[in-house]
Structure formats: structure tokens, C-alpha cells
């Protein structure tokens, strides 16, 4: 959807389901997409705190693909890092672990600027 100009709103762990028999992860229950970028006109967006970046909490902030990248990076950290910051808890490869901090940077300009850029970086180390 990012390639069509949409920004996902309210993405969190509950939007994913894992099929153990097929070894596949599926995204479902996406409550809202908006065409983006857009200016946040409320005090915050809906969602789980651990998946949200600072701009999602600030009325007047720009919500865009860099916001989506942060959410995806936090999703990776939750699933592959099991929510922990310990290197011992990491289930992915070491290079994958190095991509995640860029995606989840509190500094928007330091993040991947699009989902495509994040995916390309991720695939280059996989």
C-alpha cells in the first residue's frame, strides 16, 4: 500500500497472525489507511505505544512513509527481538539487527525515508 501513497494507522502486533503449519506470517485487521503524507489533526493517532513514534503523539506533525518505517522497525524488534533489547534475545541475523535501529530512529531524517528503502536495506543484509 505504501507504493500507492497510503500510510497505515494503528499497526500493532495484533495485526499479525502466524500460521505454524505453513510457516507464514499474515497481516490482517488493519483498521485504517490514509493517503499520505498527512498532518496529524488530533492529539495522537490510535495504536499501541510500543509501535508508535514521536510524531504520532504530536498534533500538527507530518505522518508519512518515515512514520510507517518506524512502525515496521518496531514490529521487527518485537518479533525478532522478542521485545527485548538484549542481543542474546535476537532471533534474526546480526546484519538484520543493525538495520532495525535506523528504521526506529527518533530522528525522522535519520530513518529510511520510505518502506521501499527499508525493504531494500533489509533484503541486502538478509
Foldseek 3Di string as FASTA:
>chain_A
DQVVQKAFFADDPVQWDADPVVRDIDGHDRPDIDRDFDFAQDQATDYDPQQFAPQRRHGRRTGGQLRVLLNVLSVQCCVQQVVDPDPVSGNDDPQLVVLSCQSNPNPSVSHQVHVVSSVVSNVVVD
